[in-house]
Amino acid sequence: MANLFGGLFGNYSEVTAEELKQQYGGYLMPDEKIQMGFKLVRDTFILTEERLILIDHQGVTGKKTRVASIHLDSIYEVTMETGGTGFDDSELTIHYITSPYYKANNVQVAAYKFEFGKKFNLQPLYSALISLAHHNRKRING
């Protein structure tokens, strides 16, 4: 019941890789493997070794679906905010390059924010993503 309320309030909860593969395996590239994933009541985000897959079910029935990707090699910054007292949630914001060429003169960027319940331990996910972002910044700027 707590997961349902968490989903209703915009908080992601973790889902097994096998369950995600059964439901969303059609969105994977050949040989792409799910590392972990999280789900809201209707929306999902999946982390593979190549990208983050964002699945947004739209409309009243949820049959209309928008699928977007953030390639892991485009992530250059990650911020984390832990939940405080009251109704505060934990947040993870990923900053990434949307331009097809990362070293272009006119690089375009975007950010995507994920909200988790305050009891969810974001530190391992943050640590993995910030390490990736650090490596990417060195590679892009090197």
C-alpha atoms as a PDB file:
ATOM      1  CA  MET A   1       0.000   0.000   0.000  1.00  0.00           C
ATOM      2  CA  ALA A   2       2.888   2.373   0.759  1.00  0.00           C
ATOM      3  CA  ASN A   3       4.247   1.901  -2.800  1.00  0.00           C
ATOM      4  CA  LEU A   4       0.859   2.890  -4.234  1.00  0.00           C
ATOM      5  CA  PHE A   5       0.795   6.072  -2.163  1.00  0.00           C
ATOM      6  CA  GLY A   6       4.417   6.741  -3.116  1.00  0.00           C
ATOM      7  CA  GLY A   7       3.477   6.411  -6.784  1.00  0.00           C
ATOM      8  CA  LEU A   8       0.480   8.687  -6.373  1.00  0.00           C
ATOM      9  CA  PHE A   9       2.691  11.360  -4.819  1.00  0.00           C
ATOM     10  CA  GLY A  10       5.228  11.163  -7.656  1.00  0.00           C
ATOM     11  CA  ASN A  11       7.805   8.882  -6.057  1.00  0.00           C
ATOM     12  CA  TYR A  12       9.579   6.127  -7.946  1.00  0.00           C
ATOM     13  CA  SER A  13       9.872   2.656  -6.433  1.00  0.00           C
ATOM     14  CA  GLU A  14      12.309  -0.053  -7.574  1.00  0.00           C
ATOM     15  CA  VAL A  15      11.130  -2.873  -9.880  1.00  0.00           C
ATOM     16  CA  THR A  16      12.993  -6.096 -10.719  1.00  0.00           C
ATOM     17  CA  ALA A  17      14.930  -6.280 -13.980  1.00  0.00           C
ATOM     18  CA  GLU A  18      12.999  -9.420 -14.981  1.00  0.00           C
ATOM     19  CA  GLU A  19       9.617  -7.710 -14.564  1.00  0.00           C
ATOM     20  CA  LEU A  20      10.837  -4.726 -16.579  1.00  0.00           C
ATOM     21  CA  LYS A  21      12.203  -6.973 -19.332  1.00  0.00           C
ATOM     22  CA  GLN A  22       8.862  -8.779 -19.616  1.00  0.00           C
ATOM     23  CA  GLN A  23       6.922  -5.539 -19.873  1.00  0.00           C
ATOM     24  CA  TYR A  24       9.367  -3.294 -21.787  1.00  0.00           C
ATOM     25  CA  GLY A  25      11.814  -5.684 -23.488  1.00  0.00           C
ATOM     26  CA  GLY A  26      10.582  -4.517 -26.880  1.00  0.00           C
ATOM     27  CA  TYR A  27      12.197  -1.117 -26.285  1.00  0.00           C
ATOM     28  CA  LEU A  28      15.667  -2.562 -25.750  1.00  0.00           C
ATOM     29  CA  MET A  29      18.370  -2.538 -28.412  1.00  0.00           C
ATOM     30  CA  PRO A  30      19.836  -5.929 -29.403  1.00  0.00           C
ATOM     31  CA  ASP A  31      22.030  -7.311 -26.590  1.00  0.00           C
ATOM     32  CA  GLU A  32      21.070  -4.429 -24.268  1.00  0.00           C
ATOM     33  CA  LYS A  33      20.558  -5.543 -20.672  1.00  0.00           C
ATOM     34  CA  ILE A  34      18.545  -3.894 -17.908  1.00  0.00           C
ATOM     35  CA  GLN A  35      20.630  -3.005 -14.855  1.00  0.00           C
ATOM     36  CA  MET A  36      17.795  -1.622 -12.725  1.00  0.00           C
ATOM     37  CA  GLY A  37      14.518   0.219 -13.044  1.00  0.00           C
ATOM     38  CA  PHE A  38      11.966   2.252 -11.188  1.00  0.00           C
ATOM     39  CA  LYS A  39       8.256   2.771 -11.625  1.00  0.00           C
ATOM     40  CA  LEU A  40       5.563   5.258 -10.754  1.00  0.00           C
ATOM     41  CA  VAL A  41       1.910   4.333 -10.978  1.00  0.00           C
ATOM     42  CA  ARG A  42       2.080   4.602 -14.795  1.00  0.00           C
ATOM     43  CA  ASP A  43       5.556   5.863 -15.693  1.00  0.00           C
ATOM     44  CA  THR A  44       8.840   3.963 -15.642  1.00  0.00           C
ATOM     45  CA  PHE A  45      12.537   4.648 -15.990  1.00  0.00           C
ATOM     46  CA  ILE A  46      14.990   1.898 -16.828  1.00  0.00           C
ATOM     47  CA  LEU A  47      18.768   1.990 -16.522  1.00  0.00           C
ATOM     48  CA  THR A  48      20.711  -0.187 -18.979  1.00  0.00           C
ATOM     49  CA  GLU A  49      24.450  -0.297 -19.641  1.00  0.00           C
ATOM     50  CA  GLU A  50      23.912   2.156 -22.543  1.00  0.00           C
ATOM     51  CA  ARG A  51      21.133   4.566 -21.559  1.00  0.00           C
ATOM     52  CA  LEU A  52      18.279   5.620 -19.354  1.00  0.00           C
ATOM     53  CA  ILE A  53      14.936   4.760 -20.935  1.00  0.00           C
ATOM     54  CA  LEU A  54      12.056   7.004 -19.882  1.00  0.00           C
ATOM     55  CA  ILE A  55       8.598   5.545 -20.452  1.00  0.00           C
ATOM     56  CA  ASP A  56       5.662   7.909 -20.069  1.00  0.00           C
ATOM     57  CA  HIS A  57       2.162   6.428 -20.373  1.00  0.00           C
ATOM     58  CA  GLN A  58      -0.212   9.224 -21.387  1.00  0.00           C
ATOM     59  CA  GLY A  59      -3.922   9.827 -21.585  1.00  0.00           C
ATOM     60  CA  VAL A  60      -6.755   8.449 -19.495  1.00  0.00           C
ATOM     61  CA  THR A  61      -6.153   4.809 -20.445  1.00  0.00           C
ATOM     62  CA  GLY A  62      -2.345   5.019 -20.590  1.00  0.00           C
ATOM     63  CA  LYS A  63      -2.295   3.318 -24.006  1.00  0.00           C
ATOM     64  CA  LYS A  64      -0.518   6.262 -25.593  1.00  0.00           C
ATOM     65  CA  THR A  65       3.146   5.900 -24.661  1.00  0.00           C
ATOM     66  CA  ARG A  66       6.129   8.214 -25.058  1.00  0.00           C
ATOM     67  CA  VAL A  67       9.553   6.568 -24.905  1.00  0.00           C
ATOM     68  CA  ALA A  68      12.699   8.692 -24.641  1.00  0.00           C
ATOM     69  CA  SER A  69      16.358   7.920 -23.970  1.00  0.00           C
ATOM     70  CA  ILE A  70      19.182   9.682 -22.220  1.00  0.00           C
ATOM     71  CA  HIS A  71      22.445   8.151 -23.382  1.00  0.00           C
ATOM     72  CA  LEU A  72      24.777   7.534 -20.459  1.00  0.00           C
ATOM     73  CA  ASP A  73      27.732   9.033 -22.308  1.00  0.00           C
ATOM     74  CA  SER A  74      25.892  12.386 -22.494  1.00  0.00           C
ATOM     75  CA  ILE A  75      25.442  12.819 -18.719  1.00  0.00           C
ATOM     76  CA  TYR A  76      27.792  15.498 -17.379  1.00  0.00           C
ATOM     77  CA  GLU A  77      26.330  16.360 -13.953  1.00  0.00           C
ATOM     78  CA  VAL A  78      24.121  14.744 -11.324  1.00  0.00           C
ATOM     79  CA  THR A  79      22.653  16.360  -8.228  1.00  0.00           C
ATOM     80  CA  MET A  80      20.952  14.694  -5.291  1.00  0.00           C
ATOM     81  CA  GLU A  81      18.690  16.092  -2.611  1.00  0.00           C
ATOM     82  CA  THR A  82      17.673  13.864   0.270  1.00  0.00           C
ATOM     83  CA  GLY A  83      14.240  14.035   1.869  1.00  0.00           C
ATOM     84  CA  GLY A  84      13.828  16.165   4.963  1.00  0.00           C
ATOM     85  CA  THR A  85      11.046  16.205   7.490  1.00  0.00           C
ATOM     86  CA  GLY A  86       7.376  16.251   6.591  1.00  0.00           C
ATOM     87  CA  PHE A  87       6.425  15.529   3.012  1.00  0.00           C
ATOM     88  CA  ASP A  88       9.842  16.257   1.470  1.00  0.00           C
ATOM     89  CA  ASP A  89      10.976  13.680  -1.074  1.00  0.00           C
ATOM     90  CA  SER A  90      14.432  12.707  -2.296  1.00  0.00           C
ATOM     91  CA  GLU A  91      15.343  14.039  -5.729  1.00  0.00           C
ATOM     92  CA  LEU A  92      17.913  13.066  -8.314  1.00  0.00           C
ATOM     93  CA  THR A  93      18.518  15.485 -11.203  1.00  0.00           C
ATOM     94  CA  ILE A  94      20.483  14.389 -14.260  1.00  0.00           C
ATOM     95  CA  HIS A  95      22.019  17.038 -16.533  1.00  0.00           C
ATOM     96  CA  TYR A  96      22.860  15.825 -20.016  1.00  0.00           C
ATOM     97  CA  ILE A  97      23.846  16.965 -23.499  1.00  0.00           C
ATOM     98  CA  THR A  98      21.104  16.737 -26.123  1.00  0.00           C
ATOM     99  CA  SER A  99      23.232  17.831 -29.091  1.00  0.00           C
ATOM    100  CA  PRO A 100      24.314  14.979 -31.371  1.00  0.00           C
ATOM    101  CA  TYR A 101      27.909  16.260 -31.226  1.00  0.00           C
ATOM    102  CA  TYR A 102      29.171  16.791 -27.686  1.00  0.00           C
ATOM    103  CA  LYS A 103      32.089  19.033 -28.705  1.00  0.00           C
ATOM    104  CA  ALA A 104      30.063  21.318 -30.986  1.00  0.00           C
ATOM    105  CA  ASN A 105      30.182  25.108 -30.657  1.00  0.00           C
ATOM    106  CA  ASN A 106      26.497  25.254 -29.832  1.00  0.00           C
ATOM    107  CA  VAL A 107      26.023  22.430 -27.319  1.00  0.00           C
ATOM    108  CA  GLN A 108      22.453  22.026 -26.110  1.00  0.00           C
ATOM    109  CA  VAL A 109      21.726  20.633 -22.662  1.00  0.00           C
ATOM    110  CA  ALA A 110      18.723  19.550 -20.629  1.00  0.00           C
ATOM    111  CA  ALA A 111      17.940  18.218 -17.167  1.00  0.00           C
ATOM    112  CA  TYR A 112      15.554  15.561 -15.928  1.00  0.00           C
ATOM    113  CA  LYS A 113      14.427  15.272 -12.315  1.00  0.00           C
ATOM    114  CA  PHE A 114      13.375  12.046 -10.627  1.00  0.00           C
ATOM    115  CA  GLU A 115      11.572  12.022  -7.279  1.00  0.00           C
ATOM    116  CA  PHE A 116      11.873   9.135  -4.836  1.00  0.00           C
ATOM    117  CA  GLY A 117      10.336   8.538  -1.441  1.00  0.00           C
ATOM    118  CA  LYS A 118      12.413   9.969   1.389  1.00  0.00           C
ATOM    119  CA  LYS A 119      13.163   6.470   2.729  1.00  0.00           C
ATOM    120  CA  PHE A 120      14.686   5.333  -0.585  1.00  0.00           C
ATOM    121  CA  ASN A 121      18.499   5.195  -0.365  1.00  0.00           C
ATOM    122  CA  LEU A 122      19.587   7.290  -3.352  1.00  0.00           C
ATOM    123  CA  GLN A 123      23.283   7.289  -2.510  1.00  0.00           C
ATOM    124  CA  PRO A 124      24.304   4.153  -4.492  1.00  0.00           C
ATOM    125  CA  LEU A 125      22.469   5.357  -7.620  1.00  0.00           C
ATOM    126  CA  TYR A 126      23.849   8.877  -7.205  1.00  0.00           C
ATOM    127  CA  SER A 127      27.358   7.557  -6.654  1.00  0.00           C
ATOM    128  CA  ALA A 128      27.231   5.414  -9.804  1.00  0.00           C
ATOM    129  CA  LEU A 129      25.823   8.237 -11.945  1.00  0.00           C
ATOM    130  CA  ILE A 130      28.158  10.951 -10.646  1.00  0.00           C
ATOM    131  CA  SER A 131      31.139   8.662 -11.308  1.00  0.00           C
ATOM    132  CA  LEU A 132      29.842   8.219 -14.844  1.00  0.00           C
ATOM    133  CA  ALA A 133      29.335  11.998 -15.200  1.00  0.00           C
ATOM    134  CA  HIS A 134      32.872  12.675 -13.966  1.00  0.00           C
ATOM    135  CA  HIS A 135      34.311  10.204 -16.490  1.00  0.00           C
ATOM    136  CA  ASN A 136      32.197  11.770 -19.263  1.00  0.00           C
ATOM    137  CA  ARG A 137      33.358  15.303 -18.451  1.00  0.00           C
ATOM    138  CA  LYS A 138      36.997  14.232 -18.615  1.00  0.00           C
ATOM    139  CA  ARG A 139      36.398  12.403 -21.907  1.00  0.00           C
ATOM    140  CA  ILE A 140      34.417  15.245 -23.491  1.00  0.00           C
ATOM    141  CA  ASN A 141      36.788  18.001 -22.400  1.00  0.00           C
ATOM    142  CA  GLY A 142      40.008  16.012 -22.875  1.00  0.00           C
END
